[in-house]
Protein backbone atom coordinates (compact mmCIF):
# COMPACT_ATOMS: atom_id res chain seq x y z
CA MET A 1 301.18 192.50 -0.26
CA THR A 2 303.28 192.20 2.88
CA THR A 3 306.08 189.71 2.58
CA GLY A 4 309.63 189.30 3.71
CA THR A 5 311.63 188.19 6.69
CA GLU A 6 310.86 191.19 8.87
CA THR A 7 307.10 190.65 8.74
CA GLU A 8 307.33 186.90 9.15
CA LEU A 9 309.72 187.07 12.07
CA SER A 10 307.50 189.53 13.86
CA SER A 11 304.62 187.10 13.52
CA SER A 12 306.31 184.46 15.61
CA VAL A 13 308.83 186.17 17.89
CA PRO A 14 307.71 188.74 20.46
CA ALA A 15 309.64 191.97 20.18
CA VAL A 16 312.20 192.41 22.97
CA SER A 17 313.70 195.78 23.64
CA VAL A 18 317.10 195.94 25.30
CA SER A 19 316.17 199.37 26.61
CA SER A 20 313.48 197.73 28.73
CA VAL A 21 316.16 195.76 30.61
CA PRO A 22 317.49 197.47 33.74
CA ASP A 23 320.66 199.43 33.12
CA SER A 24 322.70 197.13 35.28
CA THR A 25 321.91 194.10 33.13
CA ALA A 26 321.39 195.59 29.66
CA GLU A 27 325.01 195.45 28.64
CA ARG A 28 325.54 192.03 30.21
CA GLY A 29 322.47 190.56 28.44
CA SER A 30 322.98 192.17 25.08
CA THR A 31 325.29 189.49 23.68
CA PRO A 32 323.05 186.45 24.32
CA LEU A 33 320.03 188.50 23.25
CA ARG A 34 321.67 189.34 19.95
CA ALA A 35 322.79 185.73 19.50
CA ALA A 36 319.24 184.52 20.10
CA ARG A 37 317.88 187.00 17.58
CA ARG A 38 320.48 185.92 15.01
CA ILE A 39 319.49 182.27 15.51
CA LEU A 40 315.78 183.06 15.20
CA THR A 41 316.39 185.23 12.15
CA GLY A 42 318.42 182.45 10.54
CA ILE A 43 315.67 179.90 11.20
CA ASP A 44 313.08 182.30 9.88
CA ARG A 45 314.99 182.98 6.67
CA ARG A 46 315.64 179.32 5.97
CA LEU A 47 312.32 177.79 7.01
CA GLY A 48 309.74 180.47 7.69
CA ALA A 49 308.03 181.04 11.03
CA ALA A 50 305.08 178.73 10.36
CA THR A 51 307.42 175.94 9.26
CA ALA A 52 309.50 176.09 12.43
CA VAL A 53 306.42 176.13 14.65
CA PHE A 54 304.88 173.27 12.65
CA VAL A 55 307.90 171.02 13.14
CA VAL A 56 307.74 171.47 16.91
CA VAL A 57 303.95 171.17 17.27
CA ALA A 58 303.54 168.26 14.86
CA ALA A 59 306.52 166.35 16.26
CA VAL A 60 305.30 166.67 19.84
CA PHE A 61 301.61 165.91 19.33
CA GLY A 62 302.15 163.37 16.56
CA THR A 63 304.47 161.43 18.87
CA VAL A 64 301.93 161.62 21.70
CA PHE A 65 299.24 160.20 19.41
CA ALA A 66 301.61 157.42 18.31
CA VAL A 67 302.34 156.47 21.92
CA ILE A 68 298.89 156.67 23.54
CA THR A 69 296.90 155.09 20.69
CA PRO A 70 296.58 151.33 21.31
CA PRO A 71 298.24 149.19 18.63
CA PHE A 72 296.11 148.91 15.49
CA TRP A 73 293.40 151.30 16.73
CA GLY A 74 294.01 153.77 13.91
CA HIS A 75 291.80 154.01 10.84
CA ASP A 76 291.99 150.54 9.20
CA GLU A 77 295.38 150.23 10.88
CA ILE A 78 295.25 146.43 10.90
CA THR A 79 294.91 146.19 7.13
CA GLN A 80 297.18 149.22 6.62
CA PHE A 81 299.98 147.46 8.51
CA GLY A 82 299.38 144.28 6.53
CA ARG A 83 299.85 146.13 3.25
CA ALA A 84 302.90 148.00 4.61
CA TYR A 85 304.46 144.70 5.70
CA GLN A 86 303.82 143.26 2.24
CA VAL A 87 305.49 146.26 0.59
CA ALA A 88 308.42 146.04 3.01
CA HIS A 89 309.09 142.50 1.74
CA GLY A 90 308.77 143.26 -1.96
CA GLY A 91 305.07 142.63 -2.51
CA PHE A 92 304.12 145.60 -4.64
CA ALA A 93 301.13 144.30 -6.66
CA PRO A 94 297.86 143.08 -5.09
CA GLN A 95 298.14 139.39 -4.20
CA ARG A 96 295.11 137.10 -4.47
CA ILE A 97 294.66 134.78 -1.48
CA SER A 98 292.41 131.82 -0.81
CA ASP A 99 289.26 132.66 1.15
CA ASP A 100 286.13 130.53 1.50
CA ARG A 101 283.99 133.66 1.70
CA GLY A 102 284.83 134.89 -1.80
CA ILE A 103 287.36 137.01 -3.68
CA ALA A 104 290.11 138.17 -1.34
CA TYR A 105 293.54 139.81 -1.41
CA GLY A 106 296.20 139.92 1.26
CA GLY A 107 299.59 138.58 2.26
CA LYS A 108 301.80 137.08 4.95
CA ILE A 109 302.42 138.61 8.37
CA PRO A 110 304.31 137.27 11.42
CA LEU A 111 302.26 135.27 13.93
CA SER A 112 303.32 137.66 16.67
CA VAL A 113 301.76 140.55 14.74
CA ASP A 114 298.62 138.50 14.07
CA GLY A 115 298.24 137.83 17.79
CA LEU A 116 298.48 141.52 18.66
CA MET A 117 296.09 142.38 15.82
CA GLY A 118 293.53 139.85 17.03
CA TYR A 119 293.68 141.20 20.57
CA ALA A 120 293.26 144.79 19.33
CA PHE A 121 290.39 143.82 17.01
CA ASP A 122 288.46 142.13 19.84
CA ASP A 123 289.25 145.01 22.17
CA TYR A 124 287.97 147.91 20.07
CA ASN A 125 284.89 145.90 19.11
CA ARG A 126 283.88 145.39 22.76
CA LYS A 127 282.28 148.84 22.86
CA PRO A 128 281.56 148.92 26.61
CA ASP A 129 278.81 151.15 27.96
CA GLU A 130 279.72 154.62 29.13
CA PRO A 131 281.48 155.73 31.26
CA ALA A 132 283.70 152.64 31.11
CA HIS A 133 286.95 153.25 29.22
CA LEU A 134 287.16 151.72 25.76
CA ALA A 135 290.41 149.76 25.98
CA ALA A 136 291.01 146.67 28.08
CA ASP A 137 293.90 146.46 30.52
CA ALA A 138 297.14 147.61 28.91
CA THR A 139 298.93 144.52 30.24
CA GLY A 140 297.44 142.46 27.40
CA TYR A 141 299.03 144.76 24.83
CA ASP A 142 302.32 144.72 26.73
CA ARG A 143 302.36 140.92 26.91
CA LEU A 144 301.59 140.34 23.23
CA GLY A 145 303.77 143.25 22.16
CA ALA A 146 306.77 141.74 23.92
CA ALA A 147 306.81 138.80 21.49
CA PRO A 148 309.76 138.88 19.07
CA LEU A 149 309.11 140.09 15.53
CA THR A 150 310.22 137.23 13.33
CA THR A 151 309.48 136.04 9.83
CA ASP A 152 310.03 132.38 10.78
CA ALA A 153 306.35 131.87 11.64
CA THR A 154 303.83 133.67 9.43
CA LYS A 155 300.15 133.64 8.63
CA THR A 156 298.14 134.82 5.64
CA MET A 157 295.89 137.76 6.44
CA TRP A 158 293.12 139.54 4.54
CA PHE A 159 293.58 143.18 3.52
CA THR A 160 291.67 143.59 0.27
CA ASN A 161 290.84 147.22 1.03
CA THR A 162 294.48 148.29 1.28
CA ALA A 163 295.80 145.87 -1.35
CA ALA A 164 294.18 148.28 -3.83
CA TYR A 165 296.72 150.99 -2.91
CA SER A 166 300.06 151.31 -4.67
CA PRO A 167 303.30 150.90 -2.69
CA ILE A 168 304.05 154.65 -2.80
CA PRO A 169 302.19 155.77 0.37
CA TYR A 170 303.63 152.83 2.31
CA VAL A 171 307.31 153.56 1.70
CA PRO A 172 307.89 155.25 5.12
CA ALA A 173 306.04 152.50 7.01
CA ALA A 174 307.87 149.80 5.05
CA LEU A 175 311.21 151.39 5.95
CA GLY A 176 310.12 151.46 9.58
CA ILE A 177 309.28 147.76 9.48
CA ARG A 178 312.60 146.84 7.89
CA LEU A 179 314.46 148.92 10.48
CA ALA A 180 312.54 147.22 13.29
CA GLU A 181 313.50 143.81 11.89
CA ALA A 182 317.13 144.80 11.45
CA THR A 183 317.43 146.07 15.03
CA GLY A 184 315.62 143.11 16.59
CA LEU A 185 312.73 145.07 18.10
CA ASP A 186 309.80 143.23 19.60
CA THR A 187 306.35 143.41 18.02
CA GLY A 188 305.01 146.31 20.09
CA ASP A 189 308.08 148.46 19.51
CA ALA A 190 308.00 147.56 15.81
CA VAL A 191 304.46 148.92 15.53
CA LEU A 192 305.52 152.12 17.32
CA LEU A 193 308.59 152.54 15.11
CA THR A 194 306.45 152.04 12.00
CA ARG A 195 304.13 154.78 13.21
CA LEU A 196 307.02 157.12 13.92
CA ALA A 197 308.49 156.48 10.46
CA GLY A 198 305.26 157.76 8.93
CA LEU A 199 305.30 160.76 11.26
CA VAL A 200 308.86 161.65 10.19
CA ALA A 201 307.79 161.52 6.53
CA TYR A 202 304.84 163.79 7.33
CA LEU A 203 307.12 166.26 9.12
CA LEU A 204 309.59 166.41 6.25
CA ILE A 205 307.09 166.74 3.40
CA VAL A 206 304.80 169.23 5.14
CA ALA A 207 307.78 171.27 6.36
CA LEU A 208 308.86 171.51 2.72
CA ALA A 209 305.30 172.53 1.78
CA LEU A 210 305.18 175.31 4.38
CA ARG A 211 308.69 176.45 3.51
CA THR A 212 307.57 177.19 -0.04
CA LEU A 213 305.28 179.87 1.42
CA ARG A 214 307.86 181.51 3.67
CA GLY A 215 307.52 185.27 3.40
CA PHE A 216 303.77 184.99 2.72
CA ARG A 217 301.08 185.27 5.38
CA ILE A 218 299.01 182.46 3.86
CA GLN A 219 301.56 180.05 5.34
CA TRP A 220 299.56 180.25 8.58
CA LEU A 221 296.46 178.90 6.82
CA ALA A 222 298.50 175.97 5.50
CA PHE A 223 299.90 175.48 9.01
CA THR A 224 296.41 175.37 10.53
CA ILE A 225 295.28 172.66 8.11
CA ALA A 226 298.49 170.65 8.60
CA VAL A 227 298.01 170.44 12.38
CA LEU A 228 294.31 169.65 12.50
CA PRO A 229 293.77 166.96 15.15
CA ILE A 230 292.74 164.40 12.53
CA ALA A 231 295.84 165.14 10.43
CA LEU A 232 298.27 164.63 13.33
CA PHE A 233 296.37 161.58 14.61
CA GLN A 234 296.74 159.95 11.22
CA ALA A 235 300.38 161.03 11.02
CA GLY A 236 300.92 159.21 14.32
CA THR A 237 299.33 155.96 13.14
CA ILE A 238 299.96 153.57 10.25
CA THR A 239 297.92 154.60 7.22
CA ALA A 240 298.32 155.54 3.58
CA ASP A 241 296.57 158.81 4.44
CA THR A 242 299.72 160.12 6.13
CA MET A 243 301.61 160.39 2.84
CA THR A 244 298.47 161.35 0.92
CA ASN A 245 297.74 164.30 3.21
CA ALA A 246 301.37 165.44 3.10
CA LEU A 247 301.68 165.24 -0.68
CA ALA A 248 298.32 166.95 -1.19
CA LEU A 249 299.36 169.82 1.06
CA LEU A 250 302.69 170.10 -0.76
CA ILE A 251 301.11 170.33 -4.19
CA SER A 252 298.50 172.76 -2.84
CA CYS A 253 301.17 175.09 -1.40
CA LEU A 254 303.06 175.03 -4.70
CA LEU A 255 299.85 175.79 -6.61
CA VAL A 256 299.06 178.69 -4.29
CA LYS A 257 302.56 180.09 -4.76
CA GLY A 258 302.73 179.68 -8.51
CA VAL A 259 299.13 180.48 -9.48
CA PHE A 260 297.65 182.73 -6.79
CA LEU A 261 300.74 184.49 -5.43
CA ASP A 262 302.40 184.95 -8.84
CA SER A 263 305.74 183.95 -7.35
CA ARG A 264 308.71 182.14 -8.89
CA LEU A 265 309.42 178.58 -7.75
CA SER A 266 312.96 177.64 -6.79
CA ARG A 267 314.70 174.74 -8.51
CA GLY A 268 314.00 172.52 -5.53
CA GLU A 269 310.34 173.51 -5.60
CA VAL A 270 310.14 172.77 -9.32
CA ALA A 271 311.55 169.30 -8.64
CA ALA A 272 309.08 168.82 -5.78
CA THR A 273 306.20 169.86 -8.02
CA LEU A 274 307.10 167.39 -10.74
CA ALA A 275 307.75 164.54 -8.29
CA THR A 276 304.47 165.10 -6.46
CA THR A 277 302.62 165.10 -9.77
CA LEU A 278 303.68 161.47 -10.13
CA ALA A 279 303.39 160.40 -6.48
CA LEU A 280 300.01 161.83 -5.45
CA PRO A 281 297.88 159.96 -8.03
CA LEU A 282 299.53 156.74 -6.85
CA SER A 283 298.85 157.49 -3.19
CA LYS A 284 295.09 157.79 -3.41
CA PRO A 285 293.31 157.85 -6.76
CA THR A 286 290.61 160.26 -5.60
CA TYR A 287 293.13 163.14 -5.62
CA VAL A 288 294.46 162.63 -9.13
CA LEU A 289 292.79 165.82 -10.36
CA LEU A 290 294.58 167.86 -7.70
CA ALA A 291 297.93 166.63 -9.02
CA MET A 292 296.98 167.49 -12.60
CA LEU A 293 296.52 171.16 -11.65
CA VAL A 294 300.30 171.72 -11.87
CA VAL A 295 299.83 172.46 -15.59
CA LEU A 296 298.11 175.71 -14.52
CA ILE A 297 301.28 177.10 -12.96
CA PRO A 298 302.62 179.61 -15.51
CA ALA A 299 305.84 178.53 -17.24
CA ARG A 300 307.59 181.69 -16.06
CA GLN A 301 307.10 180.58 -12.44
CA PHE A 302 308.99 177.39 -13.25
CA GLY A 303 311.77 179.47 -14.79
CA PHE A 304 311.16 178.09 -18.26
CA GLY A 305 311.75 181.00 -20.61
CA LYS A 306 310.93 181.53 -24.28
CA GLN A 307 314.31 182.79 -25.40
CA SER A 308 315.91 179.53 -26.45
CA GLY A 309 314.80 176.33 -28.07
CA LEU A 310 315.48 174.48 -24.82
CA GLY A 311 313.28 176.94 -22.94
CA LYS A 312 310.41 176.30 -25.30
CA ILE A 313 310.79 172.56 -24.79
CA LEU A 314 310.97 172.85 -20.99
CA ARG A 315 307.69 174.78 -20.97
CA TRP A 316 305.99 171.46 -21.76
CA LEU A 317 307.71 169.59 -18.92
CA PRO A 318 304.83 170.01 -16.40
CA TRP A 319 302.40 168.75 -19.05
CA CYS A 320 304.61 165.73 -19.68
CA PHE A 321 304.78 164.90 -15.97
CA ALA A 322 301.03 165.35 -15.64
CA ALA A 323 300.51 162.99 -18.55
CA VAL A 324 302.86 160.42 -17.03
CA GLY A 325 301.13 160.79 -13.65
CA ALA A 326 297.76 160.23 -15.27
CA ALA A 327 299.12 157.21 -17.15
CA LEU A 328 300.56 155.69 -13.96
CA PHE A 329 297.24 156.31 -12.26
CA ALA A 330 295.39 154.52 -15.08
CA VAL A 331 297.81 151.57 -15.06
CA TRP A 332 297.53 151.10 -11.31
CA MET A 333 293.74 151.40 -11.38
CA LYS A 334 293.65 148.67 -14.02
CA LEU A 335 295.97 146.50 -11.94
CA ALA A 336 294.04 147.01 -8.71
CA SER A 337 290.50 146.94 -10.15
CA PRO A 338 289.90 143.24 -9.35
CA THR A 339 290.16 144.03 -5.63
CA GLY A 340 286.87 145.91 -5.82
CA ASP A 341 284.97 142.64 -6.18
CA GLY A 342 286.22 141.56 -2.76
CA MET A 343 285.42 144.72 -0.82
CA GLY A 344 282.07 143.35 0.36
CA LEU A 345 283.89 141.13 2.86
CA MET A 346 284.49 144.25 4.97
CA ARG A 347 280.76 144.40 5.68
CA GLN A 348 278.53 142.21 7.83
CA LYS A 349 277.99 138.63 6.68
CA SER A 350 274.59 139.29 5.07
CA GLU A 351 276.23 141.91 2.81
CA TRP A 352 279.40 140.06 1.79
CA HIS A 353 278.39 139.81 -1.85
CA SER A 354 276.35 143.01 -2.07
CA VAL A 355 279.24 145.28 -3.14
CA ARG A 356 279.50 144.94 -6.92
CA PRO A 357 281.39 147.81 -8.61
CA GLY A 358 280.26 146.81 -12.11
CA ASP A 359 276.59 146.91 -11.17
CA GLN A 360 277.04 150.25 -9.40
CA LEU A 361 278.76 151.80 -12.39
CA HIS A 362 276.02 150.53 -14.68
CA GLY A 363 273.46 152.05 -12.33
CA ILE A 364 275.18 155.45 -12.35
CA LEU A 365 275.32 155.53 -16.14
CA SER A 366 271.83 154.18 -16.78
CA HIS A 367 269.98 155.91 -13.91
CA PRO A 368 271.91 159.12 -13.09
CA LEU A 369 268.87 160.72 -11.42
CA HIS A 370 268.64 157.86 -8.95
CA PHE A 371 272.31 158.29 -8.12
CA SER A 372 271.68 162.01 -7.62
CA ASP A 373 268.91 161.18 -5.13
CA VAL A 374 271.24 158.86 -3.23
CA PHE A 375 273.97 161.51 -3.29
CA PHE A 376 271.77 164.26 -1.84
CA ASP A 377 270.23 161.93 0.74
CA SER A 378 273.75 161.08 1.88
CA ILE A 379 274.52 164.75 2.39
CA TRP A 380 271.32 165.60 4.27
CA TYR A 381 271.64 162.65 6.61
CA ARG A 382 275.39 162.68 7.19
CA ASP A 383 276.83 166.18 6.60
CA GLN A 384 276.94 167.05 10.33
CA LYS A 385 278.92 163.87 10.99
CA TRP A 386 281.39 164.64 8.19
CA PHE A 387 281.83 168.14 9.59
CA THR A 388 282.92 166.75 12.96
CA GLN A 389 285.10 164.13 11.31
CA PHE A 390 286.94 166.82 9.35
CA PHE A 391 288.43 167.91 12.68
CA GLY A 392 288.71 164.44 14.11
CA GLU A 393 287.02 161.12 14.73
CA LEU A 394 289.99 159.22 16.00
CA GLY A 395 290.43 155.76 14.58
CA PHE A 396 288.36 152.74 15.50
CA SER A 397 287.73 154.06 18.99
CA TYR A 398 285.42 156.51 17.17
CA VAL A 399 286.25 159.19 19.73
CA SER A 400 285.21 162.57 18.35
CA VAL A 401 287.30 165.61 19.15
CA PRO A 402 285.76 167.75 21.91
CA ALA A 403 283.68 170.81 21.08
CA ILE A 404 286.35 173.14 22.44
CA ALA A 405 288.83 171.64 19.95
CA ILE A 406 286.49 172.27 17.02
CA LEU A 407 285.91 175.85 18.19
CA ALA A 408 289.64 176.40 18.56
CA CYS A 409 290.28 175.01 15.06
CA LEU A 410 287.55 177.23 13.62
CA LEU A 411 289.13 180.25 15.33
CA ALA A 412 292.54 179.33 13.91
CA LEU A 413 291.05 178.88 10.43
CA ALA A 414 289.18 182.19 10.64
CA VAL A 415 292.23 184.15 11.80
CA SER A 416 294.69 182.51 9.40
CA THR A 417 292.27 183.11 6.54
CA GLY A 418 291.77 186.71 7.61
CA ILE A 419 295.46 187.57 7.50
CA ALA A 420 296.19 185.75 4.23
CA ASP A 421 297.83 187.61 1.38
CA ARG A 422 295.74 189.16 -1.37
CA LEU A 423 295.68 186.48 -4.03
CA THR A 424 295.85 187.02 -7.77
CA GLY A 425 295.64 184.64 -10.73
CA ASN A 426 293.66 184.96 -13.92
CA ARG A 427 290.00 184.09 -14.06
CA LEU A 428 290.30 180.96 -16.20
CA ARG A 429 292.88 179.32 -13.94
CA THR A 430 290.81 180.18 -10.89
CA TRP A 431 287.67 178.67 -12.41
CA ILE A 432 289.49 175.48 -13.36
CA ILE A 433 290.86 175.07 -9.85
CA ALA A 434 287.47 175.93 -8.36
CA LEU A 435 285.74 173.26 -10.44
CA THR A 436 288.42 170.72 -9.57
CA VAL A 437 287.49 170.85 -5.88
CA PRO A 438 283.85 169.64 -6.30
CA ALA A 439 285.02 167.24 -9.01
CA SER A 440 287.46 165.69 -6.53
CA VAL A 441 284.74 165.54 -3.90
CA ALA A 442 282.52 163.78 -6.45
CA MET A 443 285.31 161.26 -7.08
CA ILE A 444 285.35 160.47 -3.36
CA TYR A 445 281.61 159.82 -3.36
CA VAL A 446 281.63 157.79 -6.58
CA THR A 447 284.60 155.69 -5.42
CA LEU A 448 282.90 154.76 -2.16
CA TYR A 449 279.56 154.21 -3.90
CA MET A 450 281.18 151.68 -6.21
CA SER A 451 283.69 150.05 -3.86
CA PHE A 452 281.97 150.00 -0.46
CA SER A 453 278.22 150.69 -0.75
CA PRO A 454 275.90 147.70 -1.31
CA VAL A 455 273.88 147.68 -4.51
CA GLY A 456 270.52 149.34 -3.84
CA TYR A 457 271.68 150.96 -0.60
CA TRP A 458 269.94 154.23 0.21
CA LEU A 459 273.09 156.29 0.80
CA ILE A 460 276.76 156.36 -0.14
CA ASP A 461 278.39 154.46 2.68
CA GLY A 462 281.93 154.91 3.97
CA VAL A 463 282.37 158.66 3.38
CA GLN A 464 284.33 160.32 6.20
CA GLY A 465 285.16 163.95 6.81
CA ARG A 466 288.90 163.25 6.90
CA TYR A 467 288.81 162.58 3.15
CA PHE A 468 288.25 166.31 2.52
CA VAL A 469 291.35 167.51 4.41
CA PRO A 470 293.66 167.16 1.33
CA LEU A 471 291.40 169.55 -0.60
CA ALA A 472 291.08 172.17 2.13
CA LEU A 473 293.94 174.55 1.30
CA ILE A 474 293.19 174.83 -2.40
CA ALA A 475 289.48 175.33 -1.62
CA PHE A 476 290.32 178.17 0.78
CA ALA A 477 292.65 179.68 -1.83
CA VAL A 478 289.82 179.87 -4.37
CA LEU A 479 287.55 181.53 -1.80
CA LEU A 480 290.26 184.04 -0.92
CA ARG A 481 290.78 184.80 -4.60
CA TRP A 482 287.09 185.66 -5.02
CA MET A 483 286.34 187.01 -1.54
CA PRO A 484 289.42 188.82 -0.24
CA LEU A 485 288.47 188.89 3.44
CA ARG A 486 291.12 190.64 5.52
CA LEU A 487 291.76 191.52 9.14
CA SER A 488 293.22 195.02 9.18
CA THR A 489 293.75 198.01 11.43
CA SER A 490 292.12 201.40 10.97
CA GLU A 491 295.16 202.37 8.89
CA GLY A 492 294.52 199.43 6.54
CA VAL A 493 297.54 197.42 7.76
CA THR A 494 297.16 193.67 8.18
CA PRO A 495 298.65 192.67 11.55
CA VAL A 496 300.62 189.43 11.62
CA ARG A 497 302.32 188.90 14.95
CA GLY A 498 299.17 188.85 17.11
CA PRO A 499 297.07 186.74 14.74
CA ALA A 500 299.92 184.26 14.26
CA ILE A 501 300.21 183.82 18.03
CA THR A 502 296.44 183.35 18.18
CA VAL A 503 296.59 180.65 15.52
CA VAL A 504 299.36 178.77 17.33
CA VAL A 505 297.67 179.00 20.73
CA ALA A 506 294.31 177.90 19.29
CA THR A 507 295.78 174.90 17.50
CA VAL A 508 297.76 173.81 20.55
CA LEU A 509 294.62 174.15 22.68
CA ALA A 510 292.68 172.01 20.20
CA LEU A 511 295.37 169.32 20.23
CA VAL A 512 295.73 169.28 24.02
CA ALA A 513 291.96 169.01 24.50
CA THR A 514 291.77 166.23 21.91
CA ILE A 515 294.56 164.21 23.51
CA VAL A 516 293.10 164.62 27.01
CA LYS A 517 289.67 163.41 25.86
CA TYR A 518 291.09 160.56 23.78
CA ASN A 519 293.33 159.28 26.56
CA LEU A 520 290.52 159.57 29.12
CA MET A 521 287.99 157.70 26.98
CA VAL A 522 290.36 155.01 25.74
CA TRP A 523 292.47 154.29 28.82
CA GLY A 524 290.44 155.87 31.63
């Protein structure tokens, strides 16, 4: 196993030889050169090469996505903002609202926000014929966005689909909203600030995740997943998926370190593990099993020894947190379960009352073979779409990332997988983690079958490839444990510097191509 600062630094910083500088300038340039190397070495030791590169790449491209994406054009961004605004003003539990169409949940929003939402909703539903650009004139957004953000005039809005989520994934957005109100920003700037607040949270949590793997080559695989176009697009818009993706990547990195790399967690990483065990199940319920895997990290990696009575007690701490996380998950699911009866209002009028979770659950239990048929039909008819969406189908513009971006991402994944460390971990733990991945995928399908698919529908509706991103790293780790593919020289040495540069260049190429296509198709 190749670890350590020397290897990691060489993966990100080209070697510079003072002897290659002309004699007349070598002495003069030696001091700044040494200072630069000291700075880079310090960054590398504290963060890790992949972490430092991630912060720059994600900050730049996440901000670009936040700026060029029209307001409320992200995935369910209208209802996501509504829920975030509710949380920002103390509305933590789902709130039933009056609706002539049927069961509905929602809350109050400012009239200025409602006006901008209505304009955006009409705009992205125009769907003009190609090659016309998708968005209307930007002056409409500028005019409505210039309205002051005030709570004096409000309106009740529907957001049953996001009312089902706990407040946890909306904390960054809620803070952004409160800051916008405190500083007197107008509506358009408030939306942008709310997006950027989510991006900052993504940067901090994922940087912590990558930092846990500093000194290990598998950090580049985690980096590649963290900067997928779909991941940064969501980080630059308002959605609960921003926190969900970040927390899932954090717990995955900690699992890889503790289970597959047989490495000791620091005190800060232990705290992060326990906190994420509680937060992830409350961000999106479909990833609860991923959070429960922390009990597989050996006690010695937490630093809980057997020598003392206290050590023996602390060995059960991860199990206690997992139990509490599961209990919180169960409590919130019970609290939010009534929202499922109102999900049909997201569909066309003829299907408003066709989504009935109770009937779907009864059908699964009483006719499991029929559900299996629906499940496999969904895969055969939609798997190619989910594959593309894993890399990026960007919001309600439905712009798919270009082919060159997918190829670049595949290259980055192949190279970062090929240089990953040789993973260990006993067979039982590996099998449990391996089975958790398809079990989590099944939870995604079952959740959407019950909460979004009409009764009697021929496929499971609402599945999107972006839902599989939080499971990607742990799935790759299992494959690497069983199939130790490696890129190596004739001497059996795994190169790092060249492959790492390839990964960075490929991901940047994918992001640039995606942004160029998105901006061209949306704004012209």
